[in-house]
N, C-alpha and C. Protein backbone atom coordinates (compact mmCIF):
# COMPACT_ATOMS: atom_id res chain seq x y z
N MET A 1 -29.66 136.01 -41.76
CA MET A 1 -29.03 137.11 -42.41
C MET A 1 -27.51 137.07 -42.25
N LYS A 2 -27.05 136.64 -41.06
CA LYS A 2 -25.61 136.58 -40.83
C LYS A 2 -24.94 135.54 -41.72
N THR A 3 -25.62 134.44 -41.97
CA THR A 3 -25.01 133.40 -42.79
C THR A 3 -24.78 133.88 -44.21
N LEU A 4 -25.64 134.75 -44.72
CA LEU A 4 -25.44 135.28 -46.06
C LEU A 4 -24.23 136.20 -46.10
N LYS A 5 -23.99 136.97 -45.05
CA LYS A 5 -22.84 137.86 -45.01
C LYS A 5 -21.53 137.06 -44.92
N ILE A 6 -21.58 135.91 -44.24
CA ILE A 6 -20.38 135.09 -44.08
C ILE A 6 -19.96 134.50 -45.43
N PHE A 7 -20.93 134.07 -46.20
CA PHE A 7 -20.61 133.42 -47.47
C PHE A 7 -20.53 134.37 -48.65
N ALA A 8 -20.85 135.62 -48.47
CA ALA A 8 -20.85 136.59 -49.58
C ALA A 8 -19.45 136.82 -50.11
N LEU A 9 -18.47 136.99 -49.24
CA LEU A 9 -17.11 137.26 -49.68
C LEU A 9 -16.50 136.06 -50.43
N PRO A 10 -16.56 134.81 -49.91
CA PRO A 10 -15.99 133.68 -50.67
C PRO A 10 -16.68 133.45 -52.01
N VAL A 11 -17.98 133.67 -52.09
CA VAL A 11 -18.70 133.49 -53.35
C VAL A 11 -18.27 134.55 -54.35
N ALA A 12 -18.10 135.78 -53.90
CA ALA A 12 -17.67 136.86 -54.80
C ALA A 12 -16.25 136.61 -55.29
N ALA A 13 -15.35 136.07 -54.40
CA ALA A 13 -13.98 135.78 -54.80
C ALA A 13 -13.94 134.66 -55.83
N ALA A 14 -14.76 133.65 -55.65
CA ALA A 14 -14.80 132.54 -56.60
C ALA A 14 -15.33 133.00 -57.95
N ALA A 15 -16.32 133.88 -57.97
CA ALA A 15 -16.86 134.39 -59.22
C ALA A 15 -15.83 135.25 -59.95
N ALA A 16 -15.05 136.02 -59.21
CA ALA A 16 -14.02 136.87 -59.83
C ALA A 16 -12.93 136.01 -60.45
N LEU A 17 -12.51 134.97 -59.75
CA LEU A 17 -11.48 134.07 -60.28
C LEU A 17 -11.97 133.35 -61.54
N ALA A 18 -13.21 132.96 -61.55
CA ALA A 18 -13.76 132.27 -62.71
C ALA A 18 -13.87 133.21 -63.91
N ALA A 19 -14.19 134.48 -63.67
CA ALA A 19 -14.34 135.44 -64.77
C ALA A 19 -13.00 135.81 -65.38
N TYR A 20 -11.93 135.85 -64.58
CA TYR A 20 -10.63 136.29 -65.09
C TYR A 20 -9.67 135.15 -65.40
N SER A 21 -10.14 133.93 -65.38
CA SER A 21 -9.25 132.80 -65.66
C SER A 21 -8.89 132.78 -67.14
N VAL A 22 -7.69 132.30 -67.43
CA VAL A 22 -7.19 132.26 -68.78
C VAL A 22 -7.48 130.86 -69.34
N PRO A 23 -8.02 130.80 -70.55
CA PRO A 23 -8.30 129.48 -71.11
C PRO A 23 -7.00 128.73 -71.42
N ALA A 24 -7.03 127.42 -71.32
CA ALA A 24 -5.86 126.59 -71.58
C ALA A 24 -5.56 126.56 -73.06
N ARG A 25 -4.28 126.56 -73.37
CA ARG A 25 -3.86 126.53 -74.76
C ARG A 25 -3.07 125.26 -75.02
N ALA A 26 -3.04 124.86 -76.26
CA ALA A 26 -2.27 123.69 -76.65
C ALA A 26 -0.79 123.98 -76.50
N GLN A 27 0.05 122.96 -76.51
CA GLN A 27 1.48 123.14 -76.30
C GLN A 27 2.17 123.67 -77.54
N GLY A 28 1.52 123.70 -78.60
CA GLY A 28 2.12 124.23 -79.82
C GLY A 28 1.64 123.42 -81.00
N PRO A 29 1.93 123.91 -82.18
CA PRO A 29 1.49 123.16 -83.35
C PRO A 29 2.29 121.86 -83.50
N VAL A 30 1.58 120.80 -83.84
CA VAL A 30 2.19 119.49 -84.01
C VAL A 30 1.98 119.07 -85.45
N THR A 31 3.07 118.64 -86.10
CA THR A 31 2.94 118.20 -87.49
C THR A 31 2.61 116.72 -87.52
N ALA A 32 2.13 116.26 -88.65
CA ALA A 32 1.75 114.86 -88.80
C ALA A 32 2.96 113.94 -88.72
N VAL A 33 4.15 114.43 -89.11
CA VAL A 33 5.36 113.62 -89.06
C VAL A 33 5.74 113.32 -87.62
N GLU A 34 5.60 114.30 -86.73
CA GLU A 34 5.93 114.11 -85.33
C GLU A 34 4.98 113.13 -84.66
N VAL A 35 3.73 113.14 -85.05
CA VAL A 35 2.75 112.24 -84.45
C VAL A 35 2.97 110.82 -84.92
N ALA A 36 3.32 110.63 -86.18
CA ALA A 36 3.44 109.29 -86.75
C ALA A 36 4.84 108.70 -86.62
N ALA A 37 5.76 109.37 -85.93
CA ALA A 37 7.13 108.86 -85.81
C ALA A 37 7.13 107.57 -85.00
N PRO A 38 7.82 106.54 -85.49
CA PRO A 38 7.84 105.26 -84.77
C PRO A 38 8.70 105.35 -83.51
N VAL A 39 8.37 104.53 -82.57
CA VAL A 39 9.13 104.44 -81.32
C VAL A 39 10.18 103.36 -81.51
N VAL A 40 11.44 103.69 -81.28
CA VAL A 40 12.53 102.74 -81.46
C VAL A 40 12.75 102.00 -80.15
N VAL A 41 12.72 100.68 -80.24
CA VAL A 41 12.90 99.84 -79.06
C VAL A 41 14.07 98.91 -79.31
N LYS A 42 14.97 98.82 -78.35
CA LYS A 42 16.09 97.90 -78.48
C LYS A 42 15.61 96.50 -78.14
N THR A 43 16.04 95.54 -78.92
CA THR A 43 15.68 94.15 -78.63
C THR A 43 16.79 93.53 -77.79
N ILE A 44 16.39 92.80 -76.81
CA ILE A 44 17.33 92.12 -75.93
C ILE A 44 17.18 90.62 -76.18
N GLU A 45 18.31 90.00 -76.50
CA GLU A 45 18.26 88.57 -76.75
C GLU A 45 18.16 87.82 -75.43
N ALA A 46 17.33 86.81 -75.43
CA ALA A 46 17.15 86.01 -74.23
C ALA A 46 18.42 85.21 -73.95
N ALA A 47 18.71 85.05 -72.72
CA ALA A 47 19.90 84.29 -72.33
C ALA A 47 19.67 82.82 -72.69
N THR A 48 20.65 82.24 -73.34
CA THR A 48 20.51 80.85 -73.77
C THR A 48 21.20 79.90 -72.80
N SER A 49 21.69 80.41 -71.69
CA SER A 49 22.35 79.53 -70.73
C SER A 49 21.32 78.65 -70.03
N LYS A 50 21.77 77.49 -69.65
CA LYS A 50 20.87 76.56 -68.99
C LYS A 50 20.64 77.02 -67.56
N LYS A 51 19.40 76.95 -67.15
CA LYS A 51 19.08 77.31 -65.77
C LYS A 51 19.19 76.05 -64.92
N LYS A 52 19.82 76.21 -63.78
CA LYS A 52 19.96 75.09 -62.87
C LYS A 52 18.66 74.94 -62.09
N THR A 53 18.17 73.73 -62.06
CA THR A 53 16.96 73.48 -61.29
C THR A 53 17.36 73.34 -59.83
N PRO A 54 16.65 74.01 -58.95
CA PRO A 54 17.01 73.92 -57.54
C PRO A 54 16.73 72.52 -57.01
N LYS A 55 17.74 71.95 -56.38
CA LYS A 55 17.58 70.61 -55.82
C LYS A 55 17.01 70.67 -54.42
N GLY A 56 17.08 71.81 -53.80
CA GLY A 56 16.57 71.94 -52.45
C GLY A 56 17.10 73.19 -51.78
N ASP A 57 16.68 73.38 -50.56
CA ASP A 57 17.09 74.53 -49.77
C ASP A 57 17.97 74.06 -48.62
N TRP A 58 19.00 74.82 -48.32
CA TRP A 58 19.85 74.53 -47.19
C TRP A 58 19.37 75.35 -46.00
N MET A 59 19.34 74.73 -44.84
CA MET A 59 18.96 75.43 -43.62
C MET A 59 20.07 75.24 -42.59
N ASN A 60 20.55 76.34 -42.04
CA ASN A 60 21.53 76.28 -40.97
C ASN A 60 20.77 76.12 -39.67
N GLY A 61 21.16 75.12 -38.88
CA GLY A 61 20.44 74.87 -37.65
C GLY A 61 21.35 74.42 -36.54
N GLN A 62 20.76 74.36 -35.37
CA GLN A 62 21.44 73.88 -34.18
C GLN A 62 20.62 72.71 -33.65
N VAL A 63 21.28 71.58 -33.40
CA VAL A 63 20.59 70.35 -33.04
C VAL A 63 19.98 70.48 -31.64
N ILE A 64 18.71 70.10 -31.55
CA ILE A 64 18.04 69.99 -30.26
C ILE A 64 17.97 68.52 -29.86
N HIS A 65 17.59 67.66 -30.83
CA HIS A 65 17.49 66.22 -30.58
C HIS A 65 17.82 65.48 -31.87
N PHE A 66 18.53 64.36 -31.73
CA PHE A 66 18.92 63.56 -32.88
C PHE A 66 18.77 62.10 -32.51
N ASP A 67 18.05 61.35 -33.35
CA ASP A 67 17.98 59.90 -33.18
C ASP A 67 17.88 59.24 -34.56
N ALA A 68 17.63 57.95 -34.60
CA ALA A 68 17.64 57.20 -35.85
C ALA A 68 16.46 57.53 -36.75
N ASN A 69 15.41 58.14 -36.20
CA ASN A 69 14.22 58.43 -37.00
C ASN A 69 14.08 59.89 -37.39
N THR A 70 14.46 60.80 -36.50
CA THR A 70 14.26 62.23 -36.76
C THR A 70 15.41 63.05 -36.22
N VAL A 71 15.49 64.26 -36.71
CA VAL A 71 16.39 65.27 -36.14
C VAL A 71 15.55 66.53 -35.93
N ILE A 72 15.68 67.10 -34.73
CA ILE A 72 14.95 68.33 -34.40
C ILE A 72 16.00 69.43 -34.27
N VAL A 73 15.81 70.50 -35.04
CA VAL A 73 16.78 71.61 -35.04
C VAL A 73 16.05 72.93 -34.89
N SER A 74 16.78 73.91 -34.36
CA SER A 74 16.28 75.28 -34.35
C SER A 74 17.14 76.07 -35.32
N GLU A 75 16.55 77.02 -35.99
CA GLU A 75 17.29 77.83 -36.96
C GLU A 75 18.33 78.68 -36.24
N VAL A 76 19.45 78.92 -36.91
CA VAL A 76 20.50 79.74 -36.32
C VAL A 76 20.04 81.20 -36.26
N ASP A 77 19.38 81.68 -37.30
CA ASP A 77 18.94 83.08 -37.35
C ASP A 77 17.77 83.36 -36.42
N ASN A 78 16.88 82.37 -36.24
CA ASN A 78 15.70 82.55 -35.42
C ASN A 78 15.57 81.33 -34.51
N GLU A 79 15.99 81.46 -33.27
CA GLU A 79 16.02 80.32 -32.36
C GLU A 79 14.62 79.81 -32.01
N ARG A 80 13.62 80.61 -32.22
CA ARG A 80 12.26 80.17 -31.91
C ARG A 80 11.66 79.28 -33.00
N ALA A 81 12.25 79.31 -34.18
CA ALA A 81 11.76 78.48 -35.29
C ALA A 81 12.40 77.09 -35.15
N ILE A 82 11.57 76.11 -34.83
CA ILE A 82 12.03 74.74 -34.62
C ILE A 82 11.46 73.87 -35.72
N HIS A 83 12.33 73.02 -36.31
CA HIS A 83 11.93 72.15 -37.41
C HIS A 83 12.26 70.71 -37.07
N THR A 84 11.37 69.80 -37.44
CA THR A 84 11.61 68.38 -37.27
C THR A 84 11.71 67.74 -38.64
N PHE A 85 12.80 67.03 -38.89
CA PHE A 85 13.03 66.39 -40.18
C PHE A 85 13.14 64.88 -40.00
N THR A 86 12.52 64.16 -40.91
CA THR A 86 12.79 62.73 -41.04
C THR A 86 13.86 62.59 -42.11
N TYR A 87 14.31 61.36 -42.35
CA TYR A 87 15.42 61.16 -43.28
C TYR A 87 14.93 60.53 -44.57
N ALA A 88 15.59 60.90 -45.66
CA ALA A 88 15.32 60.27 -46.95
C ALA A 88 15.81 58.82 -46.88
N PRO A 89 15.18 57.92 -47.65
CA PRO A 89 15.59 56.51 -47.60
C PRO A 89 17.08 56.30 -47.91
N GLU A 90 17.67 57.16 -48.73
CA GLU A 90 19.09 57.01 -49.07
C GLU A 90 19.98 57.31 -47.86
N MET A 91 19.48 58.05 -46.88
CA MET A 91 20.30 58.44 -45.74
C MET A 91 20.22 57.49 -44.56
N LYS A 92 19.33 56.51 -44.58
CA LYS A 92 19.09 55.65 -43.42
C LYS A 92 20.38 54.97 -42.94
N ASP A 93 21.19 54.44 -43.84
CA ASP A 93 22.42 53.75 -43.44
C ASP A 93 23.42 54.72 -42.81
N LYS A 94 23.59 55.89 -43.41
CA LYS A 94 24.53 56.87 -42.87
C LYS A 94 24.08 57.35 -41.49
N VAL A 95 22.77 57.56 -41.33
CA VAL A 95 22.25 58.02 -40.04
C VAL A 95 22.46 56.94 -38.98
N GLN A 96 22.24 55.68 -39.34
CA GLN A 96 22.44 54.60 -38.37
C GLN A 96 23.90 54.52 -37.94
N GLN A 97 24.82 54.74 -38.87
CA GLN A 97 26.24 54.77 -38.52
C GLN A 97 26.55 55.93 -37.57
N LEU A 98 25.92 57.09 -37.82
CA LEU A 98 26.11 58.23 -36.93
C LEU A 98 25.57 57.94 -35.54
N VAL A 99 24.40 57.31 -35.46
CA VAL A 99 23.80 56.99 -34.17
C VAL A 99 24.70 56.01 -33.41
N ASP A 100 25.24 55.02 -34.11
CA ASP A 100 26.11 54.04 -33.46
C ASP A 100 27.40 54.70 -32.94
N ALA A 101 27.86 55.75 -33.62
CA ALA A 101 29.09 56.43 -33.22
C ALA A 101 28.83 57.51 -32.18
N GLY A 102 27.59 57.72 -31.80
CA GLY A 102 27.27 58.73 -30.79
C GLY A 102 26.34 59.81 -31.32
N GLY A 103 26.36 60.06 -32.63
CA GLY A 103 25.44 61.00 -33.27
C GLY A 103 25.70 62.44 -32.91
N TYR A 104 24.78 63.28 -33.34
CA TYR A 104 24.84 64.70 -33.03
C TYR A 104 24.31 64.91 -31.62
N GLN A 105 24.92 65.84 -30.92
CA GLN A 105 24.50 66.18 -29.57
C GLN A 105 23.83 67.54 -29.57
N TYR A 106 23.17 67.86 -28.47
CA TYR A 106 22.50 69.14 -28.30
C TYR A 106 23.51 70.28 -28.52
N GLY A 107 23.16 71.20 -29.42
CA GLY A 107 24.00 72.37 -29.67
C GLY A 107 24.91 72.25 -30.87
N ASP A 108 25.03 71.05 -31.47
CA ASP A 108 25.87 70.90 -32.66
C ASP A 108 25.27 71.69 -33.81
N LYS A 109 26.13 72.33 -34.58
CA LYS A 109 25.67 73.11 -35.74
C LYS A 109 25.67 72.22 -36.97
N VAL A 110 24.55 72.21 -37.70
CA VAL A 110 24.40 71.38 -38.89
C VAL A 110 23.77 72.21 -40.01
N LYS A 111 23.96 71.74 -41.22
CA LYS A 111 23.26 72.28 -42.39
C LYS A 111 22.44 71.14 -42.95
N ILE A 112 21.17 71.39 -43.20
CA ILE A 112 20.26 70.35 -43.67
C ILE A 112 19.72 70.75 -45.04
N LEU A 113 19.86 69.85 -46.01
CA LEU A 113 19.31 70.04 -47.35
C LEU A 113 17.93 69.41 -47.36
N HIS A 114 16.93 70.19 -47.75
CA HIS A 114 15.55 69.70 -47.81
C HIS A 114 14.82 70.39 -48.95
N GLN A 115 13.76 69.77 -49.42
CA GLN A 115 12.92 70.40 -50.43
C GLN A 115 12.09 71.48 -49.76
N SER A 116 11.82 72.56 -50.48
CA SER A 116 11.05 73.66 -49.94
C SER A 116 9.66 73.19 -49.55
N GLY A 117 9.29 73.42 -48.31
CA GLY A 117 7.97 73.03 -47.84
C GLY A 117 7.89 71.57 -47.40
N GLN A 118 8.98 70.83 -47.44
CA GLN A 118 8.99 69.42 -47.05
C GLN A 118 9.73 69.26 -45.73
N THR A 119 9.49 68.15 -45.05
CA THR A 119 10.16 67.87 -43.78
C THR A 119 11.04 66.63 -43.88
N VAL A 120 11.54 66.36 -45.07
CA VAL A 120 12.42 65.21 -45.29
C VAL A 120 13.82 65.74 -45.57
N ALA A 121 14.77 65.35 -44.72
CA ALA A 121 16.15 65.77 -44.90
C ALA A 121 16.79 64.92 -45.97
N LEU A 122 17.33 65.58 -47.00
CA LEU A 122 18.00 64.87 -48.09
C LEU A 122 19.48 64.68 -47.78
N LYS A 123 20.05 65.61 -47.01
CA LYS A 123 21.46 65.52 -46.67
C LYS A 123 21.69 66.33 -45.41
N ILE A 124 22.58 65.84 -44.55
CA ILE A 124 22.94 66.55 -43.33
C ILE A 124 24.46 66.71 -43.32
N VAL A 125 24.91 67.95 -43.13
CA VAL A 125 26.33 68.23 -43.10
C VAL A 125 26.65 68.90 -41.76
N GLY A 126 27.63 68.40 -41.08
CA GLY A 126 28.05 68.99 -39.82
C GLY A 126 28.93 68.02 -39.07
N LYS A 127 29.72 68.55 -38.16
CA LYS A 127 30.62 67.69 -37.41
C LYS A 127 29.97 67.33 -36.08
N PRO A 128 29.72 66.04 -35.86
CA PRO A 128 29.12 65.65 -34.57
C PRO A 128 30.15 65.76 -33.46
N SER A 129 29.70 66.26 -32.32
CA SER A 129 30.60 66.35 -31.17
C SER A 129 30.68 65.01 -30.47
N LYS A 130 31.69 64.83 -29.66
CA LYS A 130 31.87 63.56 -28.96
C LYS A 130 30.88 63.49 -27.79
N PRO A 131 30.20 62.34 -27.64
CA PRO A 131 29.25 62.21 -26.53
C PRO A 131 29.99 62.18 -25.19
N LEU A 132 29.28 62.58 -24.16
CA LEU A 132 29.88 62.62 -22.82
C LEU A 132 30.10 61.25 -22.26
């Protein structure tokens, strides 16, 4: 019996709201001309300039190890990210000259050009420090 008394008031309130609700009306009369009016869209001409194809990505790094076969660097922005690169065949002579002259030492800052997702260095830019 108590449960019926608890729910009697909310049920009566809901019934009163439903009985006195106002029906929804349209926003107003619409003519056929307004409905059939075309939508004006501006056309944008495509750019005709040539897009440069990316030759590779540059990575700023700090040398951890450098030898004639590989260079191991850590990223400047994230020291925990360590990358190992081998050299492209075109760079073998330049790298050998660098190794003969002392090469890059631990801590030297370099920029390495490589293809995205590849571990082959296409170009290395940086000033090697003098060996001890």
